[in-house]
Amino acid sequence: MNQLVQKDIILESLTSIKAGGKAAYYARPEDYDQLVGILSMVRSEGLELSILGGGTNTLISDKGIPGLLLDMRRFKTIHTRGTLLTARAGSTLERAVALSAEAGLSGLEYFSGLPGTVGGAVFGNAGCFHHEIGEVVEWVEYFDMDGELHKMWRDQYRFSYRSSPCRTNRWIITQIGFNLAPKAPIYIQQQAKAYRQKRREMGHYRYPSMGSIFKNPINPKTGMRVSAGELIDAAGLLGYTVGNAKVAEYHGNIIINPGGKAGSDDIFQLIGYIQDTVEKVHGITLELEINLLGQW
């Protein structure tokens, strides 16, 4: 067993919703050599591999994760050269936004205040305020499950709504290059502050949560995307609870853990109830935007 690997690690403190069981094995590499060694061990031991970014868009089962959980948050170097900002996957979005603003590079400020890592945001093609992070990605470096390192450029790397090739193929993002636009630092900083304030006013930081639970679905009658939060609100579910998990009273697409006592099973049952109710009321199926890890 690789010396970097720990056993039976409790995971709830690593997630923004503050819920979840244990990982049978857990590793947090800080460089490529360590990561390669861990991936080699995973293959030789025949372990199932799960990947954790910032833990902000992830629900981990109360039953835990049977294989190895790979935590990428020590991969966090960021630098700029010209209009290119290069960030390792574990860098926080907030730090990437701040450094891009200091360098006078625009394109990431829309994601100011969005919790989580750069890798996680690219993995799920995070979007907000009518922008998606895939719009500014120039290239993505990743390991495949065979331990081979690749680099894919924007004309090869096809983003879709809240998804990317790394999500659909379970590749491990290590580094991303963002092609940004020159602008005055003060302007970018003001914009970033305004977007962060909007999130605060919308209640995103009040309680432990995972942000948006569901993708905005396509209305089959119009062919246009509609707000999942508005559908949940119209179905009368604001404030609805299962156990200690609760639909936020201020945003239908956010489930909160206000006392920190909700288990993942409470949250998972509440998710199912919301999906069933919205299907009955609106005839629309809600798909998850969050990642489920472990045994369900």
Protein backbone atom coordinates (compact mmCIF):
# COMPACT_ATOMS: atom_id res chain seq x y z
CA MET A 1 0.00 0.00 0.00
CA ASN A 2 1.32 3.46 -0.95
CA GLN A 3 2.55 5.38 2.13
CA LEU A 4 0.47 8.42 1.11
CA VAL A 5 -2.74 6.43 1.42
CA GLN A 6 -4.77 6.64 4.64
CA LYS A 7 -7.51 4.27 5.77
CA ASP A 8 -11.03 4.86 7.11
CA ILE A 9 -11.05 8.65 6.82
CA ILE A 10 -14.24 10.47 7.91
CA LEU A 11 -15.29 12.76 5.06
CA GLU A 12 -18.09 15.03 6.29
CA SER A 13 -15.68 17.86 7.16
CA LEU A 14 -14.34 17.80 3.58
CA THR A 15 -17.73 18.67 2.05
CA SER A 16 -19.60 21.96 2.04
CA ILE A 17 -22.88 20.23 3.03
CA LYS A 18 -21.13 18.69 6.10
CA ALA A 19 -22.41 15.15 5.54
CA GLY A 20 -21.05 11.79 4.41
CA GLY A 21 -19.44 8.59 5.64
CA LYS A 22 -15.89 7.27 5.49
CA ALA A 23 -13.48 6.54 2.66
CA ALA A 24 -11.99 3.06 2.87
CA TYR A 25 -8.82 4.63 1.42
CA TYR A 26 -7.94 8.29 1.00
CA ALA A 27 -5.02 10.09 -0.66
CA ARG A 28 -4.13 13.74 -1.14
CA PRO A 29 -1.14 14.02 -3.51
CA GLU A 30 0.71 17.29 -3.95
CA ASP A 31 2.72 16.61 -7.10
CA TYR A 32 2.69 14.52 -10.27
CA ASP A 33 5.02 11.81 -8.97
CA GLN A 34 2.80 11.20 -5.96
CA LEU A 35 -0.31 11.14 -8.15
CA VAL A 36 1.25 8.66 -10.59
CA GLY A 37 2.24 6.40 -7.69
CA ILE A 38 -1.28 6.48 -6.24
CA LEU A 39 -2.90 5.72 -9.61
CA SER A 40 -0.49 2.81 -10.09
CA MET A 41 -1.50 1.42 -6.70
CA VAL A 42 -5.20 1.82 -7.51
CA ARG A 43 -4.76 -0.24 -10.69
CA SER A 44 -2.60 -2.92 -9.06
CA GLU A 45 -4.98 -3.31 -6.11
CA GLY A 46 -8.08 -3.20 -8.32
CA LEU A 47 -9.62 -0.37 -6.29
CA GLU A 48 -12.55 1.74 -7.39
CA LEU A 49 -11.41 5.36 -7.77
CA SER A 50 -13.45 8.41 -6.79
CA ILE A 51 -12.28 12.00 -7.22
CA LEU A 52 -12.89 14.91 -4.86
CA GLY A 53 -12.39 18.52 -5.88
CA GLY A 54 -13.44 21.18 -3.41
CA GLY A 55 -16.26 19.07 -1.97
CA THR A 56 -18.74 21.85 -2.72
CA ASN A 57 -20.81 20.14 -5.38
CA THR A 58 -20.62 16.61 -4.00
CA LEU A 59 -22.80 14.37 -1.86
CA ILE A 60 -20.98 11.45 -0.24
CA SER A 61 -23.05 8.49 0.92
CA ASP A 62 -23.46 7.83 4.64
CA LYS A 63 -22.34 4.28 3.78
CA GLY A 64 -19.04 5.72 2.63
CA ILE A 65 -16.76 5.12 -0.33
CA PRO A 66 -15.51 1.54 -0.71
CA GLY A 67 -12.44 2.24 -2.85
CA LEU A 68 -9.97 5.11 -2.85
CA LEU A 69 -10.95 8.78 -2.70
CA LEU A 70 -8.45 10.99 -4.50
CA ASP A 71 -8.43 14.52 -3.06
CA MET A 72 -6.84 16.98 -5.51
CA ARG A 73 -6.77 20.09 -3.32
CA ARG A 74 -2.97 20.17 -2.93
CA PHE A 75 -2.60 20.73 -6.68
CA LYS A 76 -2.93 24.51 -6.41
CA THR A 77 -0.23 26.45 -8.29
CA ILE A 78 -1.43 29.39 -10.43
CA HIS A 79 0.58 31.62 -12.76
CA THR A 80 -0.02 33.97 -15.68
CA ARG A 81 1.82 34.59 -18.92
CA GLY A 82 0.42 37.06 -21.40
CA THR A 83 -3.32 36.44 -21.61
CA LEU A 84 -3.00 32.83 -20.40
CA LEU A 85 -3.73 31.94 -16.77
CA THR A 86 -2.61 28.43 -15.85
CA ALA A 87 -4.07 26.84 -12.73
CA ARG A 88 -3.65 23.42 -11.22
CA ALA A 89 -6.89 21.59 -10.54
CA GLY A 90 -6.95 22.05 -6.77
CA SER A 91 -6.64 25.84 -6.91
CA THR A 92 -9.72 27.57 -5.54
CA LEU A 93 -11.85 29.49 -7.97
CA GLU A 94 -11.69 32.50 -5.68
CA ARG A 95 -7.88 32.58 -5.82
CA ALA A 96 -7.92 32.18 -9.60
CA VAL A 97 -10.36 35.09 -9.86
CA ALA A 98 -8.23 37.27 -7.58
CA LEU A 99 -4.96 36.56 -9.41
CA SER A 100 -6.55 37.06 -12.84
CA ALA A 101 -7.88 40.44 -11.68
CA GLU A 102 -4.44 41.47 -10.37
CA ALA A 103 -2.96 40.55 -13.76
CA GLY A 104 -5.63 42.53 -15.62
CA LEU A 105 -7.15 39.44 -17.23
CA SER A 106 -10.92 39.25 -17.62
CA GLY A 107 -13.15 36.19 -18.00
CA LEU A 108 -13.18 34.50 -14.59
CA GLU A 109 -14.77 37.29 -12.55
CA TYR A 110 -18.29 35.91 -13.16
CA PHE A 111 -17.33 33.00 -10.88
CA SER A 112 -16.25 35.19 -7.97
CA GLY A 113 -17.64 33.84 -4.72
CA LEU A 114 -18.39 30.46 -6.24
CA PRO A 115 -16.93 27.91 -3.81
CA GLY A 116 -14.87 25.00 -4.99
CA THR A 117 -11.83 24.33 -7.12
CA VAL A 118 -10.87 25.20 -10.66
CA GLY A 119 -10.71 21.52 -11.58
CA GLY A 120 -14.17 20.85 -10.21
CA ALA A 121 -15.60 23.84 -12.08
CA VAL A 122 -14.11 22.66 -15.39
CA PHE A 123 -15.10 19.05 -14.68
CA GLY A 124 -18.76 20.11 -14.44
CA ASN A 125 -18.57 23.17 -16.73
CA ALA A 126 -19.80 25.44 -13.95
CA GLY A 127 -22.09 28.23 -15.05
CA CYS A 128 -23.59 31.35 -13.54
CA PHE A 129 -24.84 34.78 -14.57
CA HIS A 130 -25.20 33.60 -18.20
CA HIS A 131 -21.57 32.46 -18.45
CA GLU A 132 -19.94 29.00 -18.41
CA ILE A 133 -16.34 28.41 -17.43
CA GLY A 134 -15.80 26.38 -20.61
CA GLU A 135 -16.02 29.63 -22.58
CA VAL A 136 -12.51 30.63 -21.45
CA VAL A 137 -10.76 27.25 -21.30
CA GLU A 138 -7.85 27.00 -23.77
CA TRP A 139 -6.63 23.53 -22.80
CA VAL A 140 -7.08 20.85 -20.17
CA GLU A 141 -4.38 18.50 -18.90
CA TYR A 142 -5.58 15.23 -17.38
CA PHE A 143 -4.76 11.64 -16.51
CA ASP A 144 -6.93 8.87 -17.87
CA MET A 145 -7.77 5.84 -15.73
CA ASP A 146 -4.78 3.97 -17.20
CA GLY A 147 -2.41 6.56 -15.71
CA GLU A 148 -1.56 8.22 -19.05
CA LEU A 149 -1.14 12.02 -19.09
CA HIS A 150 -2.90 13.94 -21.88
CA LYS A 151 -3.44 17.54 -22.96
CA MET A 152 -6.57 18.42 -24.90
CA TRP A 153 -7.05 21.79 -26.63
CA ARG A 154 -10.27 23.77 -26.88
CA ASP A 155 -11.03 22.65 -30.45
CA GLN A 156 -10.87 19.02 -29.21
CA TYR A 157 -12.41 19.47 -25.77
CA ARG A 158 -16.19 19.77 -26.16
CA PHE A 159 -18.08 21.26 -23.26
CA SER A 160 -21.82 20.79 -22.84
CA TYR A 161 -24.35 22.10 -20.36
CA ARG A 162 -22.90 21.34 -16.89
CA SER A 163 -20.63 18.66 -18.30
CA SER A 164 -17.30 18.03 -19.97
CA PRO A 165 -15.34 15.09 -21.45
CA CYS A 166 -13.58 14.67 -18.09
CA ARG A 167 -16.92 14.18 -16.37
CA THR A 168 -18.30 11.72 -18.90
CA ASN A 169 -15.01 9.74 -19.12
CA ARG A 170 -13.97 10.08 -15.45
CA TRP A 171 -10.61 11.59 -16.35
CA ILE A 172 -8.55 13.24 -13.60
CA ILE A 173 -7.94 16.92 -14.32
CA THR A 174 -4.50 18.12 -13.22
CA GLN A 175 -4.13 21.55 -14.84
CA ILE A 176 -6.12 24.03 -16.94
CA GLY A 177 -5.10 26.90 -19.22
CA PHE A 178 -7.54 29.82 -19.44
CA ASN A 179 -7.39 32.25 -22.35
CA LEU A 180 -8.50 35.58 -20.88
CA ALA A 181 -8.96 39.14 -22.16
CA PRO A 182 -6.91 42.18 -21.06
CA LYS A 183 -8.85 44.72 -19.02
CA ALA A 184 -8.13 47.23 -16.29
CA PRO A 185 -7.55 45.43 -12.96
CA ILE A 186 -9.82 47.84 -11.07
CA TYR A 187 -12.72 47.09 -13.43
CA ILE A 188 -12.30 43.32 -13.03
CA GLN A 189 -12.03 43.62 -9.26
CA GLN A 190 -15.20 45.73 -9.10
CA GLN A 191 -17.07 43.20 -11.23
CA ALA A 192 -15.83 40.30 -9.11
CA LYS A 193 -16.94 42.09 -5.94
CA ALA A 194 -20.40 42.73 -7.42
CA TYR A 195 -20.91 39.07 -8.38
CA ARG A 196 -19.73 37.94 -4.95
CA GLN A 197 -22.19 40.35 -3.33
CA LYS A 198 -25.05 39.00 -5.48
CA ARG A 199 -24.35 35.52 -4.18
CA ARG A 200 -24.33 36.79 -0.63
CA GLU A 201 -27.68 38.53 -1.15
CA MET A 202 -29.14 35.34 -2.67
CA GLY A 203 -28.28 33.51 0.55
CA HIS A 204 -25.61 31.19 -0.82
CA TYR A 205 -23.44 31.46 2.29
CA ARG A 206 -26.06 31.25 5.05
CA TYR A 207 -25.97 27.51 5.71
CA PRO A 208 -24.01 24.42 4.66
CA SER A 209 -25.14 23.49 1.14
CA MET A 210 -23.91 22.21 -2.22
CA GLY A 211 -25.15 25.11 -4.33
CA SER A 212 -27.50 24.18 -7.13
CA ILE A 213 -28.74 20.61 -6.79
CA PHE A 214 -30.40 20.24 -10.20
CA LYS A 215 -29.62 21.31 -13.73
CA ASN A 216 -32.04 23.77 -15.26
CA PRO A 217 -34.22 21.45 -17.38
CA ILE A 218 -35.58 21.90 -20.88
CA ASN A 219 -39.31 22.54 -20.96
CA PRO A 220 -40.65 19.94 -23.44
CA LYS A 221 -43.39 22.33 -24.51
CA THR A 222 -41.11 25.22 -25.45
CA GLY A 223 -37.72 23.55 -25.98
CA MET A 224 -36.18 26.22 -23.74
CA ARG A 225 -34.37 25.81 -20.44
CA VAL A 226 -36.34 26.83 -17.37
CA SER A 227 -35.21 27.52 -13.82
CA ALA A 228 -35.16 24.41 -11.65
CA GLY A 229 -35.49 26.65 -8.60
CA GLU A 230 -38.64 28.30 -9.94
CA LEU A 231 -40.19 24.90 -10.72
CA ILE A 232 -39.46 23.73 -7.16
CA ASP A 233 -40.87 26.96 -5.73
CA ALA A 234 -44.04 26.65 -7.83
CA ALA A 235 -44.45 23.07 -6.60
CA GLY A 236 -44.70 24.43 -3.05
CA LEU A 237 -41.50 22.90 -1.77
CA LEU A 238 -39.67 25.90 -0.28
CA GLY A 239 -38.80 25.03 3.30
CA TYR A 240 -39.77 21.36 2.90
CA THR A 241 -37.74 19.03 5.12
CA VAL A 242 -36.73 15.39 5.30
CA GLY A 243 -35.05 14.64 8.59
CA ASN A 244 -32.63 17.51 9.13
CA ALA A 245 -32.24 18.37 5.42
CA LYS A 246 -34.26 21.30 4.13
CA VAL A 247 -35.10 23.02 0.86
CA ALA A 248 -33.88 26.59 1.36
CA GLU A 249 -36.76 29.02 1.90
CA TYR A 250 -34.95 31.58 -0.22
CA HIS A 251 -33.96 29.37 -3.21
CA GLY A 252 -35.72 26.23 -4.41
CA ASN A 253 -32.63 24.71 -6.00
CA ILE A 254 -30.57 24.73 -2.81
CA ILE A 255 -30.77 22.10 -0.08
CA ILE A 256 -29.34 23.22 3.25
CA ASN A 257 -28.07 21.51 6.38
CA PRO A 258 -28.90 24.34 8.82
CA GLY A 259 -27.94 22.58 12.05
CA GLY A 260 -25.17 20.50 10.54
CA LYS A 261 -27.00 17.36 11.64
CA ALA A 262 -28.47 16.16 8.33
CA GLY A 263 -27.07 12.91 7.03
CA SER A 264 -26.53 12.24 3.36
CA ASP A 265 -29.47 9.85 3.44
CA ASP A 266 -31.77 12.70 4.55
CA ILE A 267 -30.47 14.82 1.69
CA PHE A 268 -30.74 12.01 -0.85
CA GLN A 269 -34.33 11.25 0.16
CA LEU A 270 -35.21 14.95 -0.09
CA ILE A 271 -33.69 15.06 -3.58
CA GLY A 272 -35.88 12.14 -4.63
CA TYR A 273 -38.98 13.74 -3.15
CA ILE A 274 -38.30 16.98 -5.03
CA GLN A 275 -37.84 15.09 -8.30
CA ASP A 276 -41.05 13.11 -7.82
CA THR A 277 -43.07 16.21 -6.90
CA VAL A 278 -41.80 18.35 -9.78
CA GLU A 279 -42.52 15.46 -12.17
CA LYS A 280 -46.10 15.22 -10.89
CA VAL A 281 -46.75 18.97 -10.83
CA HIS A 282 -44.94 20.10 -13.98
CA GLY A 283 -44.31 16.94 -16.00
CA ILE A 284 -40.60 17.79 -16.07
CA THR A 285 -37.74 15.55 -14.93
CA LEU A 286 -34.99 17.20 -12.88
CA GLU A 287 -31.47 15.88 -13.41
CA LEU A 288 -28.75 16.19 -10.80
CA GLU A 289 -26.05 18.80 -11.18
CA ILE A 290 -24.20 17.58 -8.08
CA ASN A 291 -21.93 14.53 -7.99
CA LEU A 292 -22.89 11.44 -5.96
CA LEU A 293 -19.98 9.50 -4.48
CA GLY A 294 -20.04 6.18 -2.65
CA GLN A 295 -22.63 3.45 -2.13
CA TRP A 296 -26.26 4.47 -2.60
